[in-house]
């Protein structure tokens, strides 16, 4: 049989754990609410800028397409030049990664 003092100490510990659990739960709910409000505010702040950027990109894309229609040889040359630069950059990065030492093992 358990000692009477031990039972009362266990009851006190259980009550304390229960009280701490409630406090942690309340604080977690408050923190979640705060983070949710800040995230909603950030989305509201960014939305107009994102819409404006999309409109500008659409306008500029139309201008680039119109220029490409007016000057097809120049557009083809630019596309070819970009492809050559991309290939050269990819080749250079690929060869440097082959020369890199293998990653060390972490034990």
C-alpha atoms as a PDB file:
ATOM      1  CA  UNK A   1       0.000   0.000   0.000  1.00  0.00           C
ATOM      2  CA  UNK A   2       1.108   3.500  -0.757  1.00  0.00           C
ATOM      3  CA  UNK A   3       1.901   5.937   1.954  1.00  0.00           C
ATOM      4  CA  UNK A   4      -0.761   8.685   2.526  1.00  0.00           C
ATOM      5  CA  UNK A   5       1.826  11.431   1.875  1.00  0.00           C
ATOM      6  CA  UNK A   6       2.756   9.795  -1.405  1.00  0.00           C
ATOM      7  CA  UNK A   7      -0.877   9.777  -2.543  1.00  0.00           C
ATOM      8  CA  UNK A   8      -1.343  13.443  -1.718  1.00  0.00           C
ATOM      9  CA  UNK A   9       1.919  14.324  -3.484  1.00  0.00           C
ATOM     10  CA  UNK A  10       0.800  12.389  -6.572  1.00  0.00           C
ATOM     11  CA  UNK A  11      -2.549  14.201  -6.512  1.00  0.00           C
ATOM     12  CA  UNK A  12      -0.735  17.542  -6.300  1.00  0.00           C
ATOM     13  CA  UNK A  13       1.522  16.579  -9.196  1.00  0.00           C
ATOM     14  CA  UNK A  14      -1.440  15.521 -11.321  1.00  0.00           C
ATOM     15  CA  UNK A  15      -3.215  18.788 -10.600  1.00  0.00           C
ATOM     16  CA  UNK A  16      -0.056  20.743 -11.497  1.00  0.00           C
ATOM     17  CA  UNK A  17       0.392  18.808 -14.746  1.00  0.00           C
ATOM     18  CA  UNK A  18      -3.243  19.447 -15.616  1.00  0.00           C
ATOM     19  CA  UNK A  19      -2.850  23.179 -14.899  1.00  0.00           C
ATOM     20  CA  UNK A  20       0.329  23.380 -17.001  1.00  0.00           C
ATOM     21  CA  UNK A  21      -1.340  21.503 -19.844  1.00  0.00           C
ATOM     22  CA  UNK A  22      -4.167  24.047 -19.891  1.00  0.00           C
ATOM     23  CA  UNK A  23      -1.683  26.941 -19.908  1.00  0.00           C
ATOM     24  CA  UNK A  24       0.324  25.447 -22.778  1.00  0.00           C
ATOM     25  CA  UNK A  25      -2.866  24.795 -24.741  1.00  0.00           C
ATOM     26  CA  UNK A  26      -4.061  28.386 -24.268  1.00  0.00           C
ATOM     27  CA  UNK A  27      -0.687  29.842 -25.241  1.00  0.00           C
ATOM     28  CA  UNK A  28      -0.537  27.613 -28.328  1.00  0.00           C
ATOM     29  CA  UNK A  29      -3.970  28.785 -29.415  1.00  0.00           C
ATOM     30  CA  UNK A  30      -2.926  32.430 -28.936  1.00  0.00           C
ATOM     31  CA  UNK A  31       0.283  31.924 -30.891  1.00  0.00           C
ATOM     32  CA  UNK A  32      -1.573  30.171 -33.723  1.00  0.00           C
ATOM     33  CA  UNK A  33      -4.087  32.994 -33.911  1.00  0.00           C
ATOM     34  CA  UNK A  34      -1.310  35.592 -34.047  1.00  0.00           C
ATOM     35  CA  UNK A  35       0.579  33.774 -36.779  1.00  0.00           C
ATOM     36  CA  UNK A  36      -2.608  33.313 -38.768  1.00  0.00           C
ATOM     37  CA  UNK A  37      -3.450  37.017 -38.545  1.00  0.00           C
ATOM     38  CA  UNK A  38       0.065  38.051 -39.613  1.00  0.00           C
ATOM     39  CA  UNK A  39      -0.009  35.629 -42.553  1.00  0.00           C
ATOM     40  CA  UNK A  40      -3.379  36.965 -43.685  1.00  0.00           C
ATOM     41  CA  UNK A  41      -2.025  40.513 -43.439  1.00  0.00           C
ATOM     42  CA  UNK A  42       1.025  39.599 -45.490  1.00  0.00           C
ATOM     43  CA  UNK A  43      -1.133  38.031 -48.203  1.00  0.00           C
ATOM     44  CA  UNK A  44      -3.345  41.126 -48.326  1.00  0.00           C
ATOM     45  CA  UNK A  45      -0.283  43.365 -48.599  1.00  0.00           C
ATOM     46  CA  UNK A  46       1.317  41.336 -51.404  1.00  0.00           C
ATOM     47  CA  UNK A  47      -1.797  40.746 -53.525  1.00  0.00           C
ATOM     48  CA  UNK A  48      -1.953  44.218 -55.173  1.00  0.00           C
ATOM     49  CA  UNK A  49       1.753  44.133 -56.032  1.00  0.00           C
ATOM     50  CA  UNK A  50       1.427  40.642 -57.516  1.00  0.00           C
ATOM     51  CA  UNK A  51      -1.522  41.744 -59.661  1.00  0.00           C
ATOM     52  CA  UNK A  52       0.390  44.783 -60.867  1.00  0.00           C
ATOM     53  CA  UNK A  53       3.456  42.644 -61.677  1.00  0.00           C
ATOM     54  CA  UNK A  54       1.272  40.204 -63.632  1.00  0.00           C
ATOM     55  CA  UNK A  55      -0.257  43.056 -65.628  1.00  0.00           C
ATOM     56  CA  UNK A  56       3.186  44.508 -66.391  1.00  0.00           C
ATOM     57  CA  UNK A  57       4.508  41.077 -67.436  1.00  0.00           C
ATOM     58  CA  UNK A  58       1.516  40.596 -69.734  1.00  0.00           C
ATOM     59  CA  UNK A  59       2.054  44.017 -71.322  1.00  0.00           C
ATOM     60  CA  UNK A  60       5.791  43.482 -71.763  1.00  0.00           C
ATOM     61  CA  UNK A  61       5.239  39.990 -73.120  1.00  0.00           C
ATOM     62  CA  UNK A  62       2.892  41.419 -75.731  1.00  0.00           C
ATOM     63  CA  UNK A  63       5.488  44.027 -76.684  1.00  0.00           C
ATOM     64  CA  UNK A  64       8.196  41.369 -77.038  1.00  0.00           C
ATOM     65  CA  UNK A  65       5.899  39.196 -79.164  1.00  0.00           C
ATOM     66  CA  UNK A  66       5.056  42.166 -81.409  1.00  0.00           C
ATOM     67  CA  UNK A  67       8.757  42.990 -81.826  1.00  0.00           C
ATOM     68  CA  UNK A  68       9.516  39.362 -82.661  1.00  0.00           C
ATOM     69  CA  UNK A  69       6.787  39.421 -85.333  1.00  0.00           C
ATOM     70  CA  UNK A  70       8.215  42.607 -86.837  1.00  0.00           C
ATOM     71  CA  UNK A  71      11.834  41.371 -86.791  1.00  0.00           C
ATOM     72  CA  UNK A  72      11.856  37.566 -87.119  1.00  0.00           C
ATOM     73  CA  UNK A  73      15.549  37.302 -88.033  1.00  0.00           C
ATOM     74  CA  UNK A  74      16.620  39.258 -84.958  1.00  0.00           C
ATOM     75  CA  UNK A  75      14.310  37.209 -82.748  1.00  0.00           C
ATOM     76  CA  UNK A  76      15.722  33.961 -84.128  1.00  0.00           C
ATOM     77  CA  UNK A  77      19.270  35.187 -83.577  1.00  0.00           C
ATOM     78  CA  UNK A  78      18.512  36.108 -79.972  1.00  0.00           C
ATOM     79  CA  UNK A  79      16.922  32.735 -79.276  1.00  0.00           C
ATOM     80  CA  UNK A  80      19.944  30.979 -80.805  1.00  0.00           C
ATOM     81  CA  UNK A  81      22.370  33.124 -78.791  1.00  0.00           C
ATOM     82  CA  UNK A  82      20.515  32.425 -75.541  1.00  0.00           C
ATOM     83  CA  UNK A  83      20.536  28.693 -76.306  1.00  0.00           C
ATOM     84  CA  UNK A  84      24.301  28.709 -76.976  1.00  0.00           C
ATOM     85  CA  UNK A  85      25.021  30.635 -73.758  1.00  0.00           C
ATOM     86  CA  UNK A  86      22.758  28.258 -71.796  1.00  0.00           C
ATOM     87  CA  UNK A  87      24.475  25.218 -73.269  1.00  0.00           C
ATOM     88  CA  UNK A  88      27.940  26.633 -72.512  1.00  0.00           C
ATOM     89  CA  UNK A  89      26.955  27.483 -68.948  1.00  0.00           C
ATOM     90  CA  UNK A  90      25.435  24.025 -68.403  1.00  0.00           C
ATOM     91  CA  UNK A  91      28.503  22.348 -69.855  1.00  0.00           C
ATOM     92  CA  UNK A  92      30.827  24.402 -67.636  1.00  0.00           C
ATOM     93  CA  UNK A  93      28.813  23.622 -64.522  1.00  0.00           C
ATOM     94  CA  UNK A  94      28.647  19.955 -65.440  1.00  0.00           C
ATOM     95  CA  UNK A  95      32.384  19.605 -65.913  1.00  0.00           C
ATOM     96  CA  UNK A  96      33.184  21.407 -62.661  1.00  0.00           C
ATOM     97  CA  UNK A  97      30.845  19.111 -60.753  1.00  0.00           C
ATOM     98  CA  UNK A  98      32.719  16.105 -62.162  1.00  0.00           C
ATOM     99  CA  UNK A  99      35.988  17.438 -60.772  1.00  0.00           C
ATOM    100  CA  UNK A 100      34.587  18.082 -57.311  1.00  0.00           C
ATOM    101  CA  UNK A 101      35.661  15.573 -54.665  1.00  0.00           C
ATOM    102  CA  UNK A 102      32.969  13.183 -53.484  1.00  0.00           C
ATOM    103  CA  UNK A 103      31.163  14.293 -50.363  1.00  0.00           C
ATOM    104  CA  UNK A 104      32.641  12.995 -47.104  1.00  0.00           C
ATOM    105  CA  UNK A 105      30.847  10.532 -44.987  1.00  0.00           C
ATOM    106  CA  UNK A 106      29.449  11.727 -41.713  1.00  0.00           C
ATOM    107  CA  UNK A 107      29.613   9.212 -38.942  1.00  0.00           C
END
